[in-house]
Amino acid sequence: MVFYDGGCPLCRREIGHYRRLDKAGKVNWLDLHSHPEALERLGVTWEQAMERMHACDAEGRLTTGAYAFVTVWRALPGYRWLAKVVSAIPGVLPVMDFGYGIWARYRRRQPAACELPKDS
């Protein structure tokens, strides 16, 4: 299962790409704007969900950031090889996750990027 920010144009575009590849329907794609309560059952707040991509792997473990991307890639034709490569080389995933964290903070600061809802 992949939890994504359906309110973000960039996120929708990337997930749309992945969904087109998922012809076998192996991944359950869940837009958090349509189902804001979905991650609460896993102990993830709305703010945390909007900061990083989240996915559950085949064993039901929650992954985030670059690790969530690898979870997605493992299920998709055309990306399985990439999941194997980045998982096999020691140190690659932590570096990717660090880079993802920088990117995630940067995208949130852009005027057209996804914004967290403001408290009234």
N, C-alpha and C. Protein backbone atom coordinates (compact mmCIF):
# COMPACT_ATOMS: atom_id res chain seq x y z
N MET A 1 0.85 -1.17 0.00
CA MET A 1 0.00 0.00 0.00
C MET A 1 0.89 1.23 0.00
N VAL A 2 0.52 2.20 -0.82
CA VAL A 2 1.28 3.44 -0.91
C VAL A 2 0.36 4.59 -0.53
N PHE A 3 0.79 5.38 0.41
CA PHE A 3 0.06 6.55 0.87
C PHE A 3 0.73 7.77 0.23
N TYR A 4 -0.05 8.58 -0.48
CA TYR A 4 0.57 9.73 -1.16
C TYR A 4 -0.28 10.98 -0.99
N ASP A 5 0.36 12.11 -1.24
CA ASP A 5 -0.26 13.42 -1.12
C ASP A 5 -0.94 13.76 -2.45
N GLY A 6 -2.23 13.43 -2.55
CA GLY A 6 -2.98 13.70 -3.77
C GLY A 6 -3.26 15.18 -3.98
N GLY A 7 -2.95 16.02 -3.01
CA GLY A 7 -3.12 17.46 -3.16
C GLY A 7 -1.91 18.13 -3.77
N CYS A 8 -0.87 17.37 -4.00
CA CYS A 8 0.39 17.91 -4.54
C CYS A 8 0.49 17.56 -6.02
N PRO A 9 0.59 18.54 -6.90
CA PRO A 9 0.70 18.25 -8.34
C PRO A 9 1.90 17.37 -8.67
N LEU A 10 3.03 17.61 -8.04
CA LEU A 10 4.22 16.81 -8.30
C LEU A 10 4.01 15.35 -7.85
N CYS A 11 3.44 15.18 -6.68
CA CYS A 11 3.18 13.83 -6.15
C CYS A 11 2.18 13.09 -7.04
N ARG A 12 1.10 13.77 -7.44
CA ARG A 12 0.10 13.15 -8.31
C ARG A 12 0.71 12.70 -9.63
N ARG A 13 1.59 13.53 -10.16
CA ARG A 13 2.23 13.20 -11.44
C ARG A 13 3.10 11.95 -11.31
N GLU A 14 3.91 11.92 -10.26
CA GLU A 14 4.79 10.76 -10.07
C GLU A 14 3.99 9.50 -9.79
N ILE A 15 2.99 9.58 -8.93
CA ILE A 15 2.17 8.41 -8.62
C ILE A 15 1.40 7.99 -9.87
N GLY A 16 0.96 8.94 -10.67
CA GLY A 16 0.29 8.60 -11.93
C GLY A 16 1.19 7.77 -12.83
N HIS A 17 2.46 8.14 -12.89
CA HIS A 17 3.43 7.36 -13.68
C HIS A 17 3.51 5.94 -13.15
N TYR A 18 3.66 5.79 -11.85
CA TYR A 18 3.76 4.46 -11.25
C TYR A 18 2.47 3.66 -11.46
N ARG A 19 1.33 4.32 -11.32
CA ARG A 19 0.04 3.62 -11.47
C ARG A 19 -0.13 3.07 -12.89
N ARG A 20 0.33 3.82 -13.88
CA ARG A 20 0.24 3.34 -15.26
C ARG A 20 1.08 2.07 -15.45
N LEU A 21 2.17 1.96 -14.72
CA LEU A 21 3.02 0.77 -14.81
C LEU A 21 2.42 -0.42 -14.06
N ASP A 22 1.57 -0.15 -13.11
CA ASP A 22 1.01 -1.18 -12.24
C ASP A 22 -0.22 -1.84 -12.88
N LYS A 23 -0.04 -2.37 -14.07
CA LYS A 23 -1.14 -2.99 -14.81
C LYS A 23 -1.71 -4.21 -14.07
N ALA A 24 -0.90 -4.89 -13.29
CA ALA A 24 -1.36 -6.06 -12.54
C ALA A 24 -2.10 -5.68 -11.26
N GLY A 25 -2.10 -4.39 -10.91
CA GLY A 25 -2.79 -3.93 -9.71
C GLY A 25 -2.18 -4.45 -8.42
N LYS A 26 -0.85 -4.55 -8.39
CA LYS A 26 -0.16 -5.08 -7.20
C LYS A 26 -0.12 -4.08 -6.04
N VAL A 27 -0.27 -2.81 -6.36
CA VAL A 27 -0.15 -1.77 -5.32
C VAL A 27 -1.51 -1.14 -5.07
N ASN A 28 -1.82 -0.94 -3.80
CA ASN A 28 -3.01 -0.21 -3.40
C ASN A 28 -2.58 1.24 -3.20
N TRP A 29 -3.02 2.12 -4.08
CA TRP A 29 -2.63 3.54 -4.06
C TRP A 29 -3.68 4.30 -3.26
N LEU A 30 -3.25 4.96 -2.19
CA LEU A 30 -4.21 5.63 -1.31
C LEU A 30 -3.87 7.12 -1.19
N ASP A 31 -4.75 7.95 -1.73
CA ASP A 31 -4.61 9.40 -1.66
C ASP A 31 -5.01 9.83 -0.25
N LEU A 32 -4.09 10.42 0.47
CA LEU A 32 -4.35 10.82 1.85
C LEU A 32 -5.35 11.96 1.97
N HIS A 33 -5.56 12.70 0.89
CA HIS A 33 -6.58 13.76 0.94
C HIS A 33 -7.97 13.15 0.90
N SER A 34 -8.12 12.01 0.25
CA SER A 34 -9.40 11.31 0.22
C SER A 34 -9.59 10.43 1.44
N HIS A 35 -8.49 9.99 2.05
CA HIS A 35 -8.53 9.09 3.20
C HIS A 35 -7.55 9.56 4.28
N PRO A 36 -7.81 10.72 4.88
CA PRO A 36 -6.85 11.28 5.84
C PRO A 36 -6.63 10.42 7.09
N GLU A 37 -7.57 9.55 7.39
CA GLU A 37 -7.46 8.70 8.58
C GLU A 37 -6.61 7.46 8.35
N ALA A 38 -6.25 7.16 7.11
CA ALA A 38 -5.62 5.89 6.77
C ALA A 38 -4.33 5.62 7.55
N LEU A 39 -3.48 6.60 7.70
CA LEU A 39 -2.22 6.38 8.41
C LEU A 39 -2.35 6.49 9.92
N GLU A 40 -3.43 7.09 10.39
CA GLU A 40 -3.62 7.21 11.85
C GLU A 40 -3.61 5.84 12.51
N ARG A 41 -4.18 4.84 11.81
CA ARG A 41 -4.21 3.47 12.36
C ARG A 41 -2.80 2.93 12.55
N LEU A 42 -1.84 3.49 11.81
CA LEU A 42 -0.45 3.06 11.92
C LEU A 42 0.37 3.99 12.81
N GLY A 43 -0.30 4.96 13.44
CA GLY A 43 0.38 5.86 14.35
C GLY A 43 1.10 7.01 13.67
N VAL A 44 0.67 7.36 12.45
CA VAL A 44 1.30 8.45 11.69
C VAL A 44 0.33 9.62 11.64
N THR A 45 0.79 10.79 12.03
CA THR A 45 -0.07 11.98 12.01
C THR A 45 -0.16 12.52 10.58
N TRP A 46 -1.14 13.38 10.37
CA TRP A 46 -1.31 14.04 9.07
C TRP A 46 -0.04 14.80 8.68
N GLU A 47 0.53 15.52 9.63
CA GLU A 47 1.74 16.31 9.35
C GLU A 47 2.89 15.40 8.93
N GLN A 48 3.07 14.28 9.63
CA GLN A 48 4.13 13.34 9.26
C GLN A 48 3.86 12.75 7.87
N ALA A 49 2.61 12.46 7.58
CA ALA A 49 2.26 11.88 6.29
C ALA A 49 2.55 12.85 5.15
N MET A 50 2.38 14.14 5.40
CA MET A 50 2.61 15.13 4.36
C MET A 50 4.10 15.45 4.18
N GLU A 51 4.91 15.11 5.17
CA GLU A 51 6.34 15.40 5.09
C GLU A 51 7.11 14.38 4.27
N ARG A 52 6.67 13.12 4.27
CA ARG A 52 7.41 12.05 3.59
C ARG A 52 6.42 11.05 3.00
N MET A 53 6.81 10.44 1.90
CA MET A 53 5.98 9.37 1.35
C MET A 53 6.05 8.17 2.29
N HIS A 54 4.92 7.48 2.44
CA HIS A 54 4.83 6.28 3.28
C HIS A 54 4.29 5.13 2.44
N ALA A 55 4.77 3.92 2.72
CA ALA A 55 4.28 2.72 2.04
C ALA A 55 4.42 1.54 2.99
N CYS A 56 3.54 0.57 2.82
CA CYS A 56 3.67 -0.70 3.54
C CYS A 56 4.24 -1.72 2.57
N ASP A 57 5.26 -2.44 3.02
CA ASP A 57 5.88 -3.44 2.14
C ASP A 57 5.06 -4.73 2.17
N ALA A 58 5.52 -5.74 1.47
CA ALA A 58 4.78 -7.01 1.33
C ALA A 58 4.52 -7.68 2.68
N GLU A 59 5.37 -7.42 3.66
CA GLU A 59 5.19 -8.00 5.00
C GLU A 59 4.37 -7.11 5.92
N GLY A 60 3.89 -5.97 5.40
CA GLY A 60 3.08 -5.07 6.19
C GLY A 60 3.87 -4.07 7.01
N ARG A 61 5.19 -4.00 6.80
CA ARG A 61 6.01 -3.02 7.53
C ARG A 61 5.89 -1.66 6.86
N LEU A 62 5.79 -0.62 7.69
CA LEU A 62 5.70 0.74 7.19
C LEU A 62 7.09 1.24 6.82
N THR A 63 7.21 1.79 5.62
CA THR A 63 8.47 2.39 5.17
C THR A 63 8.19 3.83 4.79
N THR A 64 9.23 4.68 4.86
CA THR A 64 9.06 6.09 4.50
C THR A 64 10.23 6.53 3.63
N GLY A 65 10.03 7.69 2.99
CA GLY A 65 11.10 8.29 2.21
C GLY A 65 11.61 7.40 1.10
N ALA A 66 12.93 7.34 0.95
CA ALA A 66 13.55 6.52 -0.10
C ALA A 66 13.21 5.04 0.08
N TYR A 67 13.06 4.61 1.31
CA TYR A 67 12.70 3.21 1.57
C TYR A 67 11.30 2.91 1.03
N ALA A 68 10.40 3.89 1.10
CA ALA A 68 9.05 3.73 0.54
C ALA A 68 9.12 3.63 -0.98
N PHE A 69 10.01 4.41 -1.59
CA PHE A 69 10.17 4.31 -3.05
C PHE A 69 10.64 2.91 -3.44
N VAL A 70 11.56 2.36 -2.69
CA VAL A 70 12.05 1.00 -2.98
C VAL A 70 10.91 0.00 -2.83
N THR A 71 10.05 0.20 -1.83
CA THR A 71 8.88 -0.66 -1.67
C THR A 71 8.02 -0.61 -2.93
N VAL A 72 7.79 0.57 -3.45
CA VAL A 72 7.00 0.73 -4.68
C VAL A 72 7.73 0.08 -5.86
N TRP A 73 9.00 0.38 -6.00
CA TRP A 73 9.77 -0.13 -7.14
C TRP A 73 9.77 -1.66 -7.19
N ARG A 74 9.80 -2.30 -6.03
CA ARG A 74 9.80 -3.77 -6.00
C ARG A 74 8.54 -4.37 -6.63
N ALA A 75 7.46 -3.60 -6.64
CA ALA A 75 6.19 -4.10 -7.17
C ALA A 75 5.97 -3.77 -8.64
N LEU A 76 6.81 -2.92 -9.21
CA LEU A 76 6.54 -2.41 -10.56
C LEU A 76 7.52 -2.92 -11.61
N PRO A 77 6.97 -3.36 -12.74
CA PRO A 77 7.85 -3.74 -13.85
C PRO A 77 8.62 -2.49 -14.31
N GLY A 78 9.83 -2.68 -14.67
CA GLY A 78 10.66 -1.56 -15.10
C GLY A 78 11.42 -0.91 -13.96
N TYR A 79 11.04 -1.19 -12.74
CA TYR A 79 11.72 -0.61 -11.57
C TYR A 79 12.28 -1.66 -10.63
N ARG A 80 11.89 -2.91 -10.81
CA ARG A 80 12.37 -3.96 -9.89
C ARG A 80 13.89 -4.03 -9.86
N TRP A 81 14.50 -3.87 -11.02
CA TRP A 81 15.97 -3.92 -11.08
C TRP A 81 16.57 -2.80 -10.23
N LEU A 82 15.96 -1.63 -10.26
CA LEU A 82 16.48 -0.50 -9.49
C LEU A 82 16.36 -0.77 -8.00
N ALA A 83 15.24 -1.36 -7.59
CA ALA A 83 15.07 -1.72 -6.18
C ALA A 83 16.15 -2.70 -5.74
N LYS A 84 16.44 -3.68 -6.59
CA LYS A 84 17.49 -4.65 -6.26
C LYS A 84 18.85 -3.99 -6.15
N VAL A 85 19.17 -3.12 -7.08
CA VAL A 85 20.48 -2.47 -7.09
C VAL A 85 20.68 -1.60 -5.86
N VAL A 86 19.73 -0.70 -5.58
CA VAL A 86 19.92 0.21 -4.45
C VAL A 86 19.86 -0.51 -3.12
N SER A 87 19.17 -1.65 -3.07
CA SER A 87 19.10 -2.43 -1.84
C SER A 87 20.35 -3.27 -1.62
N ALA A 88 21.03 -3.62 -2.70
CA ALA A 88 22.19 -4.52 -2.61
C ALA A 88 23.49 -3.80 -2.28
N ILE A 89 23.58 -2.54 -2.59
CA ILE A 89 24.83 -1.81 -2.38
C ILE A 89 24.78 -1.15 -1.00
N PRO A 90 25.67 -1.57 -0.10
CA PRO A 90 25.66 -1.01 1.25
C PRO A 90 25.80 0.52 1.24
N GLY A 91 24.96 1.17 2.03
CA GLY A 91 25.04 2.61 2.20
C GLY A 91 24.24 3.42 1.21
N VAL A 92 23.78 2.82 0.12
CA VAL A 92 23.06 3.59 -0.90
C VAL A 92 21.71 4.09 -0.38
N LEU A 93 20.94 3.21 0.24
CA LEU A 93 19.62 3.62 0.70
C LEU A 93 19.66 4.72 1.76
N PRO A 94 20.55 4.65 2.75
CA PRO A 94 20.61 5.76 3.71
C PRO A 94 20.97 7.09 3.04
N VAL A 95 21.85 7.06 2.06
CA VAL A 95 22.22 8.29 1.35
C VAL A 95 21.03 8.80 0.53
N MET A 96 20.35 7.89 -0.14
CA MET A 96 19.15 8.28 -0.89
C MET A 96 18.10 8.88 0.04
N ASP A 97 17.92 8.27 1.21
CA ASP A 97 16.93 8.76 2.15
C ASP A 97 17.30 10.14 2.67
N PHE A 98 18.58 10.36 2.90
CA PHE A 98 19.04 11.68 3.32
C PHE A 98 18.72 12.71 2.23
N GLY A 99 19.03 12.37 1.00
CA GLY A 99 18.72 13.27 -0.12
C GLY A 99 17.23 13.50 -0.28
N TYR A 100 16.44 12.45 -0.09
CA TYR A 100 14.99 12.58 -0.16
C TYR A 100 14.50 13.55 0.91
N GLY A 101 15.06 13.46 2.10
CA GLY A 101 14.66 14.37 3.19
C GLY A 101 14.92 15.81 2.83
N ILE A 102 16.04 16.09 2.20
CA ILE A 102 16.35 17.46 1.76
C ILE A 102 15.33 17.90 0.71
N TRP A 103 15.10 17.02 -0.27
CA TRP A 103 14.15 17.35 -1.33
C TRP A 103 12.74 17.58 -0.76
N ALA A 104 12.31 16.74 0.15
CA ALA A 104 10.97 16.86 0.73
C ALA A 104 10.81 18.20 1.45
N ARG A 105 11.82 18.61 2.18
CA ARG A 105 11.75 19.92 2.85
C ARG A 105 11.74 21.04 1.82
N TYR A 106 12.52 20.93 0.78
CA TYR A 106 12.59 21.95 -0.26
C TYR A 106 11.25 22.09 -0.98
N ARG A 107 10.66 20.97 -1.37
CA ARG A 107 9.40 21.03 -2.14
C ARG A 107 8.30 21.69 -1.34
N ARG A 108 8.31 21.51 -0.04
CA ARG A 108 7.28 22.09 0.82
C ARG A 108 7.40 23.61 0.90
N ARG A 109 8.57 24.13 0.62
CA ARG A 109 8.79 25.58 0.71
C ARG A 109 8.44 26.32 -0.58
N GLN A 110 8.19 25.58 -1.65
CA GLN A 110 7.88 26.20 -2.92
C GLN A 110 6.44 26.69 -2.92
N PRO A 111 6.17 27.88 -3.53
CA PRO A 111 4.83 28.45 -3.49
C PRO A 111 3.75 27.54 -4.06
N ALA A 112 4.07 26.78 -5.11
CA ALA A 112 3.06 25.92 -5.74
C ALA A 112 3.06 24.50 -5.16
N ALA A 113 3.90 24.27 -4.19
CA ALA A 113 4.01 22.92 -3.61
C ALA A 113 2.86 22.65 -2.65
N CYS A 114 2.83 21.45 -2.20
CA CYS A 114 1.78 21.04 -1.26
C CYS A 114 1.99 21.75 0.07
N GLU A 115 0.94 22.27 0.59
CA GLU A 115 1.04 22.94 1.88
C GLU A 115 0.25 22.18 2.91
N LEU A 116 0.75 22.19 4.12
CA LEU A 116 -0.01 21.62 5.23
C LEU A 116 -1.22 22.52 5.50
N PRO A 117 -2.35 21.93 5.84
CA PRO A 117 -3.49 22.78 6.18
C PRO A 117 -3.18 23.63 7.40
N LYS A 118 -3.61 24.88 7.35
CA LYS A 118 -3.37 25.80 8.48
C LYS A 118 -4.51 25.65 9.49
N ASP A 119 -4.14 25.66 10.77
CA ASP A 119 -5.16 25.59 11.80
C ASP A 119 -5.99 26.86 11.79
N SER A 120 -7.27 26.72 11.98
CA SER A 120 -8.16 27.90 12.00
C SER A 120 -8.13 28.58 13.33
